[in-house]
Amino acid sequence: MTSPPPDVSDDDVARSSATEPPARDLGALVIPGVLVVLGTLLVTGIVTMREAGDGGLFGPKAFPWLVAGLCYVVAVLMTVQILRPHPPAASADPGDEADTILDTEPPQATSSNWRSLGIVIGGVVLFIVMLEPVGWLISATLLFAIVSFGLGARNHVVGLLAGLGMASAVQLVFSGFLGIHIPPGILG
């Protein structure tokens, strides 16, 4: 790294680096974009859905409306968080020479973890393809395990068991209590 000209003080260097806009990872905007697309697909499906009877207060459209609304809210909040400027971190002791040297380095831009994103998207695509022929319980279990692996979990047995528990609970609530049909697949 080059040193500043002798007539420029350290305070001037600190002020000029503080006024530079921080580097932003615009690749992180993929997730809010996916959420907006998902919310829009849900709204389209809800509007075109045909329901038997009046549907009541918590009919088949209530939960999709809730999920679509949450998709939009989370997408907006994530976008604001990604695009909002973040102040540079201040060092604990400005007189410490090691901190001063570290503070003169340009901020490193964070990058998106495309491998994890690819694993998660692959898991969702596999879930969509497997849902009808294999059934909810198996495909949702695999989805949970794949997503947990994509997000950093390394114990596959725990991921599968947790996925089985979550998929079983969802199937029990939707099929047993709400009477909503979930594809049984090969287990039916």
C-alpha atoms as a PDB file:
ATOM      1  CA  MET A   1       0.000   0.000   0.000  1.00  0.00           C
ATOM      2  CA  THR A   2       1.311   3.460  -0.834  1.00  0.00           C
ATOM      3  CA  SER A   3       1.699   6.064   1.873  1.00  0.00           C
ATOM      4  CA  PRO A   4      -0.015   9.456   1.598  1.00  0.00           C
ATOM      5  CA  PRO A   5       1.965  12.524   0.568  1.00  0.00           C
ATOM      6  CA  PRO A   6       3.875  14.128   3.471  1.00  0.00           C
ATOM      7  CA  ASP A   7       1.637  17.216   3.586  1.00  0.00           C
ATOM      8  CA  VAL A   8      -1.468  15.073   4.281  1.00  0.00           C
ATOM      9  CA  SER A   9      -2.129  14.228   7.927  1.00  0.00           C
ATOM     10  CA  ASP A  10      -3.480  10.942   9.251  1.00  0.00           C
ATOM     11  CA  ASP A  11      -6.715  12.729  10.176  1.00  0.00           C
ATOM     12  CA  ASP A  12      -7.197  13.783   6.525  1.00  0.00           C
ATOM     13  CA  VAL A  13      -6.672  10.188   5.377  1.00  0.00           C
ATOM     14  CA  ALA A  14      -9.157   8.919   7.966  1.00  0.00           C
ATOM     15  CA  ARG A  15     -11.746  11.524   6.945  1.00  0.00           C
ATOM     16  CA  SER A  16     -11.389  10.764   3.230  1.00  0.00           C
ATOM     17  CA  SER A  17     -11.740   7.019   3.778  1.00  0.00           C
ATOM     18  CA  ALA A  18     -14.764   7.621   6.007  1.00  0.00           C
ATOM     19  CA  THR A  19     -16.537   9.549   3.237  1.00  0.00           C
ATOM     20  CA  GLU A  20     -16.053   6.809   0.636  1.00  0.00           C
ATOM     21  CA  PRO A  21     -19.194   4.746   0.200  1.00  0.00           C
ATOM     22  CA  PRO A  22     -18.810   1.250   1.633  1.00  0.00           C
ATOM     23  CA  ALA A  23     -18.677  -1.635  -0.791  1.00  0.00           C
ATOM     24  CA  ARG A  24     -22.006  -3.457  -1.076  1.00  0.00           C
ATOM     25  CA  ASP A  25     -22.631  -6.975  -2.220  1.00  0.00           C
ATOM     26  CA  LEU A  26     -25.360  -6.538  -4.793  1.00  0.00           C
ATOM     27  CA  GLY A  27     -25.383 -10.289  -5.387  1.00  0.00           C
ATOM     28  CA  ALA A  28     -27.240 -10.564  -2.091  1.00  0.00           C
ATOM     29  CA  LEU A  29     -30.241  -8.936  -3.807  1.00  0.00           C
ATOM     30  CA  VAL A  30     -30.944 -12.289  -5.474  1.00  0.00           C
ATOM     31  CA  ILE A  31     -32.731 -13.574  -2.370  1.00  0.00           C
ATOM     32  CA  PRO A  32     -35.133 -10.601  -2.048  1.00  0.00           C
ATOM     33  CA  GLY A  33     -35.781 -10.942  -5.785  1.00  0.00           C
ATOM     34  CA  VAL A  34     -36.644 -14.615  -5.374  1.00  0.00           C
ATOM     35  CA  LEU A  35     -38.965 -13.719  -2.479  1.00  0.00           C
ATOM     36  CA  VAL A  36     -40.777 -11.126  -4.615  1.00  0.00           C
ATOM     37  CA  VAL A  37     -41.217 -13.664  -7.429  1.00  0.00           C
ATOM     38  CA  LEU A  38     -42.464 -16.277  -4.951  1.00  0.00           C
ATOM     39  CA  GLY A  39     -44.891 -13.789  -3.391  1.00  0.00           C
ATOM     40  CA  THR A  40     -46.184 -12.809  -6.825  1.00  0.00           C
ATOM     41  CA  LEU A  41     -46.682 -16.444  -7.806  1.00  0.00           C
ATOM     42  CA  LEU A  42     -48.577 -17.033  -4.573  1.00  0.00           C
ATOM     43  CA  VAL A  43     -50.821 -14.010  -5.140  1.00  0.00           C
ATOM     44  CA  THR A  44     -51.519 -15.167  -8.705  1.00  0.00           C
ATOM     45  CA  GLY A  45     -52.395 -18.638  -7.439  1.00  0.00           C
ATOM     46  CA  ILE A  46     -54.626 -17.260  -4.691  1.00  0.00           C
ATOM     47  CA  VAL A  47     -56.537 -14.985  -7.054  1.00  0.00           C
ATOM     48  CA  THR A  48     -57.130 -17.791  -9.561  1.00  0.00           C
ATOM     49  CA  MET A  49     -57.926 -20.410  -6.886  1.00  0.00           C
ATOM     50  CA  ARG A  50     -61.410 -21.873  -6.884  1.00  0.00           C
ATOM     51  CA  GLU A  51     -62.747 -22.734  -3.450  1.00  0.00           C
ATOM     52  CA  ALA A  52     -65.690 -24.905  -2.573  1.00  0.00           C
ATOM     53  CA  GLY A  53     -68.199 -23.067  -0.433  1.00  0.00           C
ATOM     54  CA  ASP A  54     -67.515 -19.764   1.279  1.00  0.00           C
ATOM     55  CA  GLY A  55     -64.095 -20.784   2.640  1.00  0.00           C
ATOM     56  CA  GLY A  56     -64.743 -19.186   6.023  1.00  0.00           C
ATOM     57  CA  LEU A  57     -62.305 -17.006   7.907  1.00  0.00           C
ATOM     58  CA  PHE A  58     -59.429 -19.492   7.721  1.00  0.00           C
ATOM     59  CA  GLY A  59     -60.225 -21.107   4.405  1.00  0.00           C
ATOM     60  CA  PRO A  60     -57.680 -22.382   1.911  1.00  0.00           C
ATOM     61  CA  LYS A  61     -56.685 -18.834   0.919  1.00  0.00           C
ATOM     62  CA  ALA A  62     -55.754 -17.555   4.395  1.00  0.00           C
ATOM     63  CA  PHE A  63     -52.380 -19.237   4.788  1.00  0.00           C
ATOM     64  CA  PRO A  64     -51.156 -18.437   1.249  1.00  0.00           C
ATOM     65  CA  TRP A  65     -52.070 -14.755   1.790  1.00  0.00           C
ATOM     66  CA  LEU A  66     -50.055 -14.772   5.002  1.00  0.00           C
ATOM     67  CA  VAL A  67     -47.044 -16.374   3.304  1.00  0.00           C
ATOM     68  CA  ALA A  68     -47.242 -14.011   0.310  1.00  0.00           C
ATOM     69  CA  GLY A  69     -47.384 -11.002   2.615  1.00  0.00           C
ATOM     70  CA  LEU A  70     -44.412 -12.278   4.602  1.00  0.00           C
ATOM     71  CA  CYS A  71     -42.469 -12.814   1.365  1.00  0.00           C
ATOM     72  CA  TYR A  72     -42.969  -9.176   0.417  1.00  0.00           C
ATOM     73  CA  VAL A  73     -42.186  -7.826   3.897  1.00  0.00           C
ATOM     74  CA  VAL A  74     -38.996  -9.885   4.235  1.00  0.00           C
ATOM     75  CA  ALA A  75     -37.909  -8.930   0.695  1.00  0.00           C
ATOM     76  CA  VAL A  76     -38.303  -5.226   1.476  1.00  0.00           C
ATOM     77  CA  LEU A  77     -36.488  -5.515   4.817  1.00  0.00           C
ATOM     78  CA  MET A  78     -33.630  -7.491   3.266  1.00  0.00           C
ATOM     79  CA  THR A  79     -33.279  -5.004   0.406  1.00  0.00           C
ATOM     80  CA  VAL A  80     -33.131  -2.088   2.824  1.00  0.00           C
ATOM     81  CA  GLN A  81     -30.531  -3.906   4.935  1.00  0.00           C
ATOM     82  CA  ILE A  82     -28.382  -4.726   1.892  1.00  0.00           C
ATOM     83  CA  LEU A  83     -28.532  -1.235   0.363  1.00  0.00           C
ATOM     84  CA  ARG A  84     -28.265   0.750   3.608  1.00  0.00           C
ATOM     85  CA  PRO A  85     -24.811   2.240   4.152  1.00  0.00           C
ATOM     86  CA  HIS A  86     -23.007   0.766   7.142  1.00  0.00           C
ATOM     87  CA  PRO A  87     -20.534   2.930   9.081  1.00  0.00           C
ATOM     88  CA  PRO A  88     -16.992   1.596   9.268  1.00  0.00           C
ATOM     89  CA  ALA A  89     -16.099  -0.152  12.506  1.00  0.00           C
ATOM     90  CA  ALA A  90     -14.096   2.005  14.908  1.00  0.00           C
ATOM     91  CA  SER A  91     -11.015   0.579  16.586  1.00  0.00           C
ATOM     92  CA  ALA A  92     -11.022   0.101  20.348  1.00  0.00           C
ATOM     93  CA  ASP A  93      -7.784   2.042  21.005  1.00  0.00           C
ATOM     94  CA  PRO A  94      -6.905   4.702  18.412  1.00  0.00           C
ATOM     95  CA  GLY A  95      -3.359   5.011  19.770  1.00  0.00           C
ATOM     96  CA  ASP A  96      -2.534   1.365  19.168  1.00  0.00           C
ATOM     97  CA  GLU A  97      -0.168   1.072  16.200  1.00  0.00           C
ATOM     98  CA  ALA A  98      -1.518  -2.322  15.070  1.00  0.00           C
ATOM     99  CA  ASP A  99      -5.087  -0.982  14.964  1.00  0.00           C
ATOM    100  CA  THR A 100      -3.938   2.070  13.005  1.00  0.00           C
ATOM    101  CA  ILE A 101      -2.282  -0.131  10.403  1.00  0.00           C
ATOM    102  CA  LEU A 102      -5.401  -2.279  10.125  1.00  0.00           C
ATOM    103  CA  ASP A 103      -7.647   0.772   9.824  1.00  0.00           C
ATOM    104  CA  THR A 104      -5.733   2.062   6.779  1.00  0.00           C
ATOM    105  CA  GLU A 105      -6.598  -1.067   4.763  1.00  0.00           C
ATOM    106  CA  PRO A 106      -9.523  -0.617   2.371  1.00  0.00           C
ATOM    107  CA  PRO A 107     -12.720  -2.345   3.497  1.00  0.00           C
ATOM    108  CA  GLN A 108     -13.090  -5.804   2.062  1.00  0.00           C
ATOM    109  CA  ALA A 109     -16.330  -6.408   0.194  1.00  0.00           C
ATOM    110  CA  THR A 110     -18.283  -9.408   1.336  1.00  0.00           C
ATOM    111  CA  SER A 111     -19.378 -11.760  -1.366  1.00  0.00           C
ATOM    112  CA  SER A 112     -22.393 -13.979  -1.765  1.00  0.00           C
ATOM    113  CA  ASN A 113     -22.035 -17.652  -1.066  1.00  0.00           C
ATOM    114  CA  TRP A 114     -23.143 -18.923  -4.450  1.00  0.00           C
ATOM    115  CA  ARG A 115     -22.418 -22.550  -3.535  1.00  0.00           C
ATOM    116  CA  SER A 116     -24.867 -22.433  -0.623  1.00  0.00           C
ATOM    117  CA  LEU A 117     -27.460 -20.652  -2.747  1.00  0.00           C
ATOM    118  CA  GLY A 118     -27.085 -23.301  -5.463  1.00  0.00           C
ATOM    119  CA  ILE A 119     -27.493 -26.130  -2.938  1.00  0.00           C
ATOM    120  CA  VAL A 120     -30.646 -24.563  -1.482  1.00  0.00           C
ATOM    121  CA  ILE A 121     -32.172 -23.880  -4.916  1.00  0.00           C
ATOM    122  CA  GLY A 122     -31.281 -27.409  -6.003  1.00  0.00           C
ATOM    123  CA  GLY A 123     -33.005 -28.763  -2.892  1.00  0.00           C
ATOM    124  CA  VAL A 124     -36.166 -26.790  -3.649  1.00  0.00           C
ATOM    125  CA  VAL A 125     -36.191 -27.967  -7.279  1.00  0.00           C
ATOM    126  CA  LEU A 126     -35.678 -31.577  -6.144  1.00  0.00           C
ATOM    127  CA  PHE A 127     -38.549 -31.159  -3.664  1.00  0.00           C
ATOM    128  CA  ILE A 128     -40.864 -29.867  -6.406  1.00  0.00           C
ATOM    129  CA  VAL A 129     -39.971 -32.739  -8.727  1.00  0.00           C
ATOM    130  CA  MET A 130     -40.274 -35.417  -6.012  1.00  0.00           C
ATOM    131  CA  LEU A 131     -43.408 -34.208  -4.205  1.00  0.00           C
ATOM    132  CA  GLU A 132     -46.105 -35.984  -6.245  1.00  0.00           C
ATOM    133  CA  PRO A 133     -44.389 -39.297  -7.046  1.00  0.00           C
ATOM    134  CA  VAL A 134     -42.539 -39.793  -3.738  1.00  0.00           C
ATOM    135  CA  GLY A 135     -44.840 -37.940  -1.359  1.00  0.00           C
ATOM    136  CA  TRP A 136     -44.685 -35.196   1.226  1.00  0.00           C
ATOM    137  CA  LEU A 137     -42.968 -37.003   4.053  1.00  0.00           C
ATOM    138  CA  ILE A 138     -39.913 -38.169   2.102  1.00  0.00           C
ATOM    139  CA  SER A 139     -39.523 -35.097  -0.127  1.00  0.00           C
ATOM    140  CA  ALA A 140     -39.943 -32.599   2.754  1.00  0.00           C
ATOM    141  CA  THR A 141     -37.468 -34.569   4.876  1.00  0.00           C
ATOM    142  CA  LEU A 142     -34.901 -34.407   2.073  1.00  0.00           C
ATOM    143  CA  LEU A 143     -35.638 -30.715   1.490  1.00  0.00           C
ATOM    144  CA  PHE A 144     -34.948 -29.880   5.137  1.00  0.00           C
ATOM    145  CA  ALA A 145     -31.732 -31.947   5.137  1.00  0.00           C
ATOM    146  CA  ILE A 146     -30.458 -30.396   1.881  1.00  0.00           C
ATOM    147  CA  VAL A 147     -31.251 -26.834   2.981  1.00  0.00           C
ATOM    148  CA  SER A 148     -29.579 -27.385   6.366  1.00  0.00           C
ATOM    149  CA  PHE A 149     -26.504 -28.767   4.570  1.00  0.00           C
ATOM    150  CA  GLY A 150     -26.497 -25.779   2.199  1.00  0.00           C
ATOM    151  CA  LEU A 151     -26.610 -23.420   5.175  1.00  0.00           C
ATOM    152  CA  GLY A 152     -23.651 -25.063   6.857  1.00  0.00           C
ATOM    153  CA  ALA A 153     -24.809 -28.108   8.835  1.00  0.00           C
ATOM    154  CA  ARG A 154     -22.390 -31.003   8.522  1.00  0.00           C
ATOM    155  CA  ASN A 155     -24.182 -33.716  10.524  1.00  0.00           C
ATOM    156  CA  HIS A 156     -26.411 -35.309   7.866  1.00  0.00           C
ATOM    157  CA  VAL A 157     -28.125 -37.733  10.256  1.00  0.00           C
ATOM    158  CA  VAL A 158     -29.319 -34.896  12.495  1.00  0.00           C
ATOM    159  CA  GLY A 159     -30.521 -32.978   9.417  1.00  0.00           C
ATOM    160  CA  LEU A 160     -32.502 -35.970   8.184  1.00  0.00           C
ATOM    161  CA  LEU A 161     -34.013 -36.673  11.609  1.00  0.00           C
ATOM    162  CA  ALA A 162     -34.934 -33.014  12.129  1.00  0.00           C
ATOM    163  CA  GLY A 163     -36.429 -32.921   8.622  1.00  0.00           C
ATOM    164  CA  LEU A 164     -38.435 -36.064   9.328  1.00  0.00           C
ATOM    165  CA  GLY A 165     -39.756 -34.541  12.546  1.00  0.00           C
ATOM    166  CA  MET A 166     -40.717 -31.268  10.861  1.00  0.00           C
ATOM    167  CA  ALA A 167     -42.321 -33.005   7.867  1.00  0.00           C
ATOM    168  CA  SER A 168     -44.261 -35.348  10.166  1.00  0.00           C
ATOM    169  CA  ALA A 169     -45.521 -32.446  12.277  1.00  0.00           C
ATOM    170  CA  VAL A 170     -46.654 -30.525   9.191  1.00  0.00           C
ATOM    171  CA  GLN A 171     -48.372 -33.604   7.786  1.00  0.00           C
ATOM    172  CA  LEU A 172     -50.113 -34.252  11.105  1.00  0.00           C
ATOM    173  CA  VAL A 173     -51.352 -30.663  11.386  1.00  0.00           C
ATOM    174  CA  PHE A 174     -52.479 -30.280   7.778  1.00  0.00           C
ATOM    175  CA  SER A 175     -53.920 -33.748   7.177  1.00  0.00           C
ATOM    176  CA  GLY A 176     -55.076 -34.655  10.674  1.00  0.00           C
ATOM    177  CA  PHE A 177     -56.349 -31.360  12.073  1.00  0.00           C
ATOM    178  CA  LEU A 178     -57.124 -29.209   9.039  1.00  0.00           C
ATOM    179  CA  GLY A 179     -58.219 -31.937   6.623  1.00  0.00           C
ATOM    180  CA  ILE A 180     -55.966 -30.600   3.856  1.00  0.00           C
ATOM    181  CA  HIS A 181     -54.715 -33.272   1.455  1.00  0.00           C
ATOM    182  CA  ILE A 182     -50.941 -33.697   1.332  1.00  0.00           C
ATOM    183  CA  PRO A 183     -49.542 -36.049  -1.335  1.00  0.00           C
ATOM    184  CA  PRO A 184     -48.758 -39.403   0.341  1.00  0.00           C
ATOM    185  CA  GLY A 185     -46.668 -40.727  -2.575  1.00  0.00           C
ATOM    186  CA  ILE A 186     -45.169 -44.176  -2.125  1.00  0.00           C
ATOM    187  CA  LEU A 187     -46.083 -44.253   1.574  1.00  0.00           C
ATOM    188  CA  GLY A 188     -49.834 -43.927   0.873  1.00  0.00           C
END
